[in-house]
Amino acid sequence: MKWIYPILANRGFLWLLLIVNIAGTAYGYYWYGWQLADTPAIFLPFVPDSPTASLFFVFVLLAFLLGRNWPLLESLAIVTLFKYGIWAVVMNLLVYFVNGYLDPIGLMLMISHGAMAIQGVLYAPFYKIKWWHFFVAAIWTLHNDIIDYVFFMLPRYQDLDKYIPEIGYFTFWLSIISLGIAYYFCLRPKHFKLDIH
């Protein structure tokens, strides 16, 4: 896999990825628009999960292009990109199994969110995450689960409404797995680090 790191560190590739992520983030907030219109202001930061995850990564990419690292945003990015990337893939698969079909938007969401999860992990060797950044990301992520499944601010898939308890249980453990991914790739003592040049 080491062959891929010069590509990931290439400034042209970083600019391309930045543009793609800005576009995806903008579309994500648009997708949540109708739900955000009905959301109490106190919950607004915690409702648009996927676009907020990609927004974290937009700032990570900007930092790389400026020759810097913003480790707190890196920590938030790797955890939330993996979590909500996998979450959206699984939810759209569930829609398929419940309805027997998946529309083009659902297929697009599966592909784009799968790419979200992958990109967050691929850039892990470039991150400068410390333990306190990890703990902040853990608090953010688990707190978001409470907002979603105690106050029912989760993304709305009408076809899956009757499965909300099971989805909440799955989401909690996906949060734990996502934190484990961040630990494995960013905090282990033998983890190697790279720099953007």
Protein backbone atom coordinates (compact mmCIF):
# COMPACT_ATOMS: atom_id res chain seq x y z
CA MET A 1 0.00 0.00 0.00
CA LYS A 2 2.95 2.37 0.40
CA TRP A 3 2.88 3.07 -3.35
CA ILE A 4 -0.28 5.13 -2.84
CA TYR A 5 1.19 7.67 -0.39
CA PRO A 6 3.07 9.77 -2.99
CA ILE A 7 -0.22 10.07 -4.88
CA LEU A 8 -2.10 11.10 -1.73
CA ALA A 9 0.58 13.69 -0.94
CA ASN A 10 0.56 15.18 -4.44
CA ARG A 11 -0.73 18.76 -4.35
CA GLY A 12 -2.72 18.34 -7.56
CA PHE A 13 -4.46 15.31 -6.10
CA LEU A 14 -5.10 17.20 -2.85
CA TRP A 15 -6.73 20.04 -4.79
CA LEU A 16 -8.92 17.58 -6.70
CA LEU A 17 -9.94 15.87 -3.47
CA LEU A 18 -10.66 19.24 -1.87
CA ILE A 19 -12.98 20.26 -4.71
CA VAL A 20 -14.79 16.91 -4.62
CA ASN A 21 -15.23 17.13 -0.85
CA ILE A 22 -16.48 20.72 -0.98
CA ALA A 23 -19.04 19.72 -3.60
CA GLY A 24 -20.08 16.64 -1.60
CA THR A 25 -20.35 18.66 1.60
CA ALA A 26 -22.54 21.29 -0.10
CA TYR A 27 -24.79 18.58 -1.54
CA GLY A 28 -24.96 16.88 1.85
CA TYR A 29 -26.20 20.03 3.58
CA TYR A 30 -28.71 20.50 0.75
CA TRP A 31 -29.90 16.87 1.23
CA TYR A 32 -30.52 17.61 4.91
CA GLY A 33 -32.23 20.93 4.18
CA TRP A 34 -35.81 19.83 4.80
CA GLN A 35 -34.86 18.09 8.07
CA LEU A 36 -32.78 21.04 9.26
CA ALA A 37 -35.79 23.32 8.69
CA ASP A 38 -37.67 21.33 11.37
CA THR A 39 -34.72 20.93 13.77
CA PRO A 40 -34.50 22.94 17.03
CA ALA A 41 -31.50 25.27 16.90
CA ILE A 42 -29.73 23.53 19.80
CA PHE A 43 -29.49 20.31 17.76
CA LEU A 44 -28.46 21.81 14.41
CA PRO A 45 -24.71 20.99 14.67
CA PHE A 46 -25.53 17.31 15.27
CA VAL A 47 -28.08 16.57 12.55
CA PRO A 48 -26.20 16.74 9.22
CA ASP A 49 -23.76 13.98 10.16
CA SER A 50 -22.17 13.08 6.82
CA PRO A 51 -21.67 16.61 5.45
CA THR A 52 -20.20 17.69 8.78
CA ALA A 53 -17.79 14.75 8.60
CA SER A 54 -16.71 15.74 5.10
CA LEU A 55 -16.48 19.38 6.22
CA PHE A 56 -13.97 18.31 8.88
CA PHE A 57 -11.98 16.66 6.09
CA VAL A 58 -12.20 19.76 3.89
CA PHE A 59 -10.34 21.66 6.63
CA VAL A 60 -7.84 18.81 6.99
CA LEU A 61 -7.10 19.03 3.25
CA LEU A 62 -6.82 22.82 3.43
CA ALA A 63 -4.30 22.45 6.24
CA PHE A 64 -2.28 19.98 4.17
CA LEU A 65 -2.25 22.40 1.24
CA LEU A 66 -1.00 25.12 3.60
CA GLY A 67 1.76 22.81 4.82
CA ARG A 68 0.16 22.38 8.23
CA ASN A 69 -1.69 19.87 10.39
CA TRP A 70 -4.84 20.54 12.39
CA PRO A 71 -4.88 17.39 14.55
CA LEU A 72 -8.23 17.95 16.26
CA LEU A 73 -9.95 18.18 12.90
CA GLU A 74 -7.96 15.15 11.71
CA SER A 75 -9.25 13.17 14.67
CA LEU A 76 -12.84 14.27 14.10
CA ALA A 77 -12.46 13.55 10.38
CA ILE A 78 -11.16 9.99 10.57
CA VAL A 79 -13.75 8.93 13.17
CA THR A 80 -16.77 10.59 11.57
CA LEU A 81 -15.86 9.85 7.95
CA PHE A 82 -15.54 6.16 8.73
CA LYS A 83 -18.61 6.04 10.95
CA TYR A 84 -21.05 7.92 8.74
CA GLY A 85 -19.59 6.55 5.55
CA ILE A 86 -20.24 2.98 6.68
CA TRP A 87 -23.55 3.96 8.32
CA ALA A 88 -24.98 5.38 5.09
CA VAL A 89 -23.87 2.35 3.08
CA VAL A 90 -25.58 0.02 5.56
CA MET A 91 -28.77 2.13 5.75
CA ASN A 92 -29.13 2.17 1.98
CA LEU A 93 -28.57 -1.58 1.88
CA LEU A 94 -31.35 -1.91 4.45
CA VAL A 95 -33.63 0.21 2.29
CA TYR A 96 -32.87 -2.19 -0.56
CA PHE A 97 -33.69 -5.25 1.55
CA VAL A 98 -36.90 -3.68 2.89
CA ASN A 99 -38.19 -2.38 -0.46
CA GLY A 100 -36.54 -4.73 -2.92
CA TYR A 101 -35.01 -1.89 -4.92
CA LEU A 102 -32.59 1.02 -4.58
CA ASP A 103 -33.06 4.21 -6.56
CA PRO A 104 -30.14 6.00 -8.30
CA ILE A 105 -29.79 8.50 -5.43
CA GLY A 106 -29.48 5.63 -2.96
CA LEU A 107 -26.82 4.00 -5.13
CA MET A 108 -24.95 7.30 -5.42
CA LEU A 109 -25.09 7.72 -1.64
CA MET A 110 -23.63 4.25 -1.14
CA ILE A 111 -20.72 4.93 -3.50
CA SER A 112 -19.97 8.42 -2.18
CA HIS A 113 -20.22 7.42 1.48
CA GLY A 114 -18.09 4.33 0.91
CA ALA A 115 -15.46 6.67 -0.57
CA MET A 116 -15.79 8.91 2.50
CA ALA A 117 -14.92 6.05 4.82
CA ILE A 118 -11.94 5.02 2.70
CA GLN A 119 -10.41 8.48 2.27
CA GLY A 120 -10.42 9.22 5.98
CA VAL A 121 -8.43 6.06 6.69
CA LEU A 122 -6.07 6.40 3.71
CA TYR A 123 -4.78 9.73 5.01
CA ALA A 124 -4.17 8.40 8.55
CA PRO A 125 -0.35 8.28 8.19
CA PHE A 126 -0.37 12.03 7.54
CA TYR A 127 -2.29 12.88 10.72
CA LYS A 128 -0.62 14.21 13.90
CA ILE A 129 -3.31 13.10 16.32
CA LYS A 130 -2.61 12.98 20.07
CA TRP A 131 -4.66 11.34 22.79
CA TRP A 132 -6.57 14.48 23.75
CA HIS A 133 -7.69 14.98 20.14
CA PHE A 134 -8.90 11.38 20.17
CA PHE A 135 -10.89 11.93 23.38
CA VAL A 136 -12.57 15.04 21.99
CA ALA A 137 -13.57 13.08 18.88
CA ALA A 138 -14.89 10.28 21.10
CA ILE A 139 -17.03 12.69 23.12
CA TRP A 140 -18.34 14.35 19.95
CA THR A 141 -19.19 11.00 18.35
CA LEU A 142 -20.91 9.38 21.33
CA HIS A 143 -22.73 12.61 22.20
CA ASN A 144 -24.01 12.68 18.63
CA ASP A 145 -25.44 9.18 19.12
CA ILE A 146 -27.35 10.43 22.16
CA ILE A 147 -28.72 13.38 20.19
CA ASP A 148 -29.77 11.06 17.36
CA TYR A 149 -31.35 8.22 19.33
CA VAL A 150 -32.50 9.82 22.59
CA PHE A 151 -33.79 13.05 21.02
CA PHE A 152 -34.52 11.36 17.65
CA MET A 153 -32.48 13.73 15.49
CA LEU A 154 -31.14 10.91 13.31
CA PRO A 155 -31.27 11.12 9.50
CA ARG A 156 -34.77 10.18 8.37
CA TYR A 157 -35.27 7.12 6.24
CA GLN A 158 -39.06 6.62 6.31
CA ASP A 159 -38.77 3.03 5.13
CA LEU A 160 -36.66 2.21 8.21
CA ASP A 161 -38.69 3.94 10.94
CA LYS A 162 -39.74 0.68 12.61
CA TYR A 163 -36.09 -0.38 12.94
CA ILE A 164 -34.88 2.68 14.87
CA PRO A 165 -34.00 0.77 18.10
CA GLU A 166 -31.91 -1.73 16.14
CA ILE A 167 -30.33 1.04 14.08
CA GLY A 168 -29.47 2.92 17.28
CA TYR A 169 -27.81 -0.18 18.72
CA PHE A 170 -25.85 -0.72 15.50
CA THR A 171 -24.83 2.94 15.41
CA PHE A 172 -23.46 2.87 18.95
CA TRP A 173 -21.21 -0.07 18.14
CA LEU A 174 -20.23 1.50 14.83
CA SER A 175 -19.07 4.52 16.87
CA ILE A 176 -16.92 2.23 19.01
CA ILE A 177 -15.47 0.52 15.92
CA SER A 178 -14.77 3.92 14.33
CA LEU A 179 -12.89 5.03 17.43
CA GLY A 180 -10.99 1.75 17.32
CA ILE A 181 -10.06 2.45 13.68
CA ALA A 182 -8.74 5.89 14.69
CA TYR A 183 -6.70 4.35 17.51
CA TYR A 184 -5.34 1.57 15.30
CA PHE A 185 -4.23 3.83 12.47
CA CYS A 186 -3.21 6.96 14.40
CA LEU A 187 -2.21 6.23 17.99
CA ARG A 188 -0.44 2.90 18.10
CA PRO A 189 3.25 3.30 19.07
CA LYS A 190 4.54 1.59 15.90
CA HIS A 191 2.39 3.63 13.56
CA PHE A 192 4.51 5.37 10.90
CA LYS A 193 3.97 9.01 9.96
CA LEU A 194 4.27 10.83 6.64
CA ASP A 195 4.36 14.49 5.67
CA ILE A 196 2.81 16.43 2.82
CA HIS A 197 5.55 18.07 0.72
